[in-house]
Protein backbone atom coordinates (compact mmCIF):
# COMPACT_ATOMS: atom_id res chain seq x y z
CA MET A 1 88.91 123.38 108.45
CA ILE A 2 91.48 122.16 110.96
CA GLU A 3 88.97 122.07 113.80
CA GLU A 4 86.48 120.18 111.62
CA LEU A 5 89.12 117.60 110.75
CA LYS A 6 90.07 117.28 114.42
CA ARG A 7 86.41 116.62 115.31
CA LYS A 8 86.05 113.96 112.60
CA LEU A 9 89.26 112.20 113.56
CA GLY A 10 88.39 112.46 117.27
CA ALA A 11 84.94 110.94 116.68
CA GLU A 12 86.47 108.07 114.72
CA ALA A 13 89.05 107.53 117.47
CA GLU A 14 86.33 107.41 120.15
CA LYS A 15 84.33 104.91 118.14
CA LEU A 16 87.35 102.68 117.58
CA GLN A 17 88.42 102.96 121.23
CA TYR A 18 84.97 101.73 122.29
CA GLU A 19 85.20 98.87 119.82
CA LEU A 20 88.66 97.97 121.10
CA ASN A 21 87.70 98.10 124.78
CA VAL A 22 84.14 96.74 124.72
CA THR A 23 82.98 95.13 121.50
CA LEU A 24 86.05 93.13 120.48
CA PRO A 25 86.80 91.65 123.93
CA ALA A 26 83.20 90.42 124.05
CA GLU A 27 83.55 88.86 120.59
CA ILE A 28 86.83 87.21 121.55
CA ARG A 29 85.33 85.80 124.79
CA LYS A 30 82.37 84.46 122.84
CA ALA A 31 84.66 82.85 120.24
CA VAL A 32 86.82 81.27 122.96
CA GLU A 33 83.71 79.66 124.43
CA HIS A 34 83.22 77.78 121.15
CA GLY A 35 86.27 75.69 121.91
CA ASP A 36 89.20 74.79 119.63
CA LEU A 37 90.85 78.09 118.66
CA ARG A 38 92.96 76.65 115.82
CA GLU A 39 89.94 76.27 113.57
CA ASN A 40 87.78 79.01 115.03
CA SER A 41 87.18 81.59 112.29
CA GLU A 42 85.29 83.97 114.60
CA TYR A 43 88.29 84.08 116.94
CA LYS A 44 90.73 84.73 114.09
CA ALA A 45 88.48 87.42 112.61
CA ALA A 46 88.14 89.16 115.97
CA LEU A 47 91.91 89.13 116.51
CA GLU A 48 92.53 90.51 113.01
CA ARG A 49 89.97 93.25 113.60
CA GLN A 50 91.61 94.03 116.93
CA GLN A 51 95.00 94.47 115.23
CA PHE A 52 93.45 96.68 112.56
CA VAL A 53 91.69 98.86 115.15
CA GLN A 54 94.89 99.26 117.17
CA ALA A 55 96.83 100.29 114.07
CA ARG A 56 94.15 102.77 112.97
CA LEU A 57 93.98 104.27 116.47
CA GLY A 58 97.73 104.81 116.35
CA GLN A 59 97.40 106.60 113.00
CA LEU A 60 94.55 108.77 114.27
CA ARG A 61 96.41 109.76 117.44
CA GLN A 62 99.50 110.64 115.44
CA ARG A 63 97.45 112.73 113.00
CA LEU A 64 95.62 114.52 115.82
CA SER A 65 98.98 115.32 117.40
CA LYS A 66 100.23 116.83 114.14
CA LEU A 67 97.03 118.83 113.71
CA SER A 68 97.39 120.27 117.20
CA SER A 69 100.86 121.54 116.38
CA ILE A 70 99.77 123.54 113.31
CA ASP A 71 99.99 127.28 113.85
CA ILE A 72 97.52 128.98 111.50
CA ALA A 73 99.42 132.24 111.97
CA GLN A 74 102.32 130.66 110.08
CA ILE A 75 100.16 130.02 106.98
CA PRO A 76 100.51 132.92 104.50
CA THR A 77 97.48 135.11 103.92
CA ASP A 78 98.39 136.11 100.37
CA LYS A 79 99.77 132.88 98.91
CA VAL A 80 98.52 129.35 98.34
CA GLY A 81 98.87 127.19 101.45
CA LEU A 82 97.03 124.68 103.57
CA GLY A 83 93.27 125.16 103.36
CA SER A 84 93.43 127.49 100.37
CA GLU A 85 90.79 127.46 97.67
CA VAL A 86 92.58 128.23 94.41
CA VAL A 87 91.10 129.11 91.03
CA VAL A 88 93.55 128.45 88.20
CA GLU A 89 93.35 129.01 84.48
CA ASP A 90 95.05 126.70 82.00
CA GLU A 91 97.09 129.10 79.86
CA LYS A 92 96.76 126.88 76.78
CA THR A 93 93.04 126.10 76.83
CA GLY A 94 91.71 128.96 78.95
CA THR A 95 89.67 126.57 81.14
CA LYS A 96 89.32 127.43 84.80
CA GLU A 97 89.48 124.90 87.62
CA THR A 98 89.08 125.23 91.37
CA TYR A 99 91.17 123.27 93.85
CA ASN A 100 91.06 123.08 97.63
CA LEU A 101 94.35 122.16 99.30
CA VAL A 102 93.86 119.67 102.11
CA PHE A 103 95.94 117.33 104.24
CA GLY A 104 97.28 114.22 102.55
CA ASP A 105 95.22 111.93 104.75
CA SER A 106 92.10 113.99 104.91
CA VAL A 107 89.10 111.99 106.03
CA GLU A 108 87.08 112.65 102.89
CA PHE A 109 88.38 113.82 99.55
CA GLU A 110 85.63 115.64 97.72
CA ASP A 111 85.62 116.96 94.16
CA GLY A 112 88.32 119.54 93.75
CA HIS A 113 90.16 118.60 96.92
CA VAL A 114 93.83 117.89 96.36
CA SER A 115 96.54 116.88 98.78
CA MET A 116 99.29 119.40 99.36
CA SER A 117 101.79 116.65 98.50
CA SER A 118 100.12 115.80 95.17
CA PRO A 119 101.60 117.12 91.91
CA ILE A 120 98.89 119.79 91.72
CA GLY A 121 99.36 120.74 95.36
CA LEU A 122 103.13 120.99 95.02
CA ALA A 123 102.79 123.14 91.91
CA LEU A 124 100.42 125.58 93.65
CA VAL A 125 101.82 125.94 97.19
CA GLY A 126 103.55 129.25 97.78
CA ARG A 127 102.20 130.93 94.63
CA ALA A 128 100.32 134.24 94.59
CA VAL A 129 97.54 135.60 92.39
CA GLY A 130 98.81 136.31 88.88
CA GLU A 131 101.71 133.88 89.10
CA SER A 132 102.05 130.98 86.70
CA THR A 133 103.24 127.51 87.55
CA ILE A 134 104.11 124.42 85.59
CA LEU A 135 102.26 121.25 86.46
CA LYS A 136 104.16 118.17 85.30
CA LEU A 137 101.90 115.17 84.86
CA PRO A 138 102.85 111.76 83.42
CA ALA A 139 100.98 112.37 80.16
CA THR A 140 101.46 116.11 79.72
CA ILE A 141 102.81 119.37 81.08
CA ARG A 142 100.31 122.12 81.89
CA ARG A 143 100.95 125.78 82.56
CA LEU A 144 98.50 127.18 85.12
CA ARG A 145 97.97 130.81 86.09
CA ILE A 146 96.56 131.55 89.53
CA VAL A 147 93.43 133.66 89.15
CA LYS A 148 92.06 133.76 92.69
CA ILE A 149 93.03 132.57 96.17
CA ARG A 150 90.87 132.23 99.25
CA THR A 151 93.10 131.25 102.19
CA ILE A 152 92.27 129.33 105.35
CA HIS A 153 92.10 132.68 107.16
CA GLU A 154 89.08 133.70 105.07
CA THR A 155 87.04 130.52 105.53
């Protein structure tokens, strides 16, 4: 999971670095050749894109740095943590739901993926099979019992 996220972020960073070093300078040079820069929409658009790409590259590098510092050995093997797939049962309705705990800025959130910093994530982290937790939502309060955990070590 962590390695896959590193690859995705690294690929995006490479693509943006190429755009920043090759594509955008060419677009800016081309726009400058058109003359008056005060009313040159291509020039303004290229500069705005350049600022966006620089900001995104900074975010990606920071995220990759954080990912590199994660020690999987520190993630519990018997409790909900990063990368865990958790099956919970609503104690009131008996319905079962499955959640996968991911990073807050994961590249793609799929069905069932929740951020560890979300209300659901916070309610589940550190819990073991058989434990119950209270999930406080704006509209309601739910009591969830943890039925099954598959940790990052098992994936």
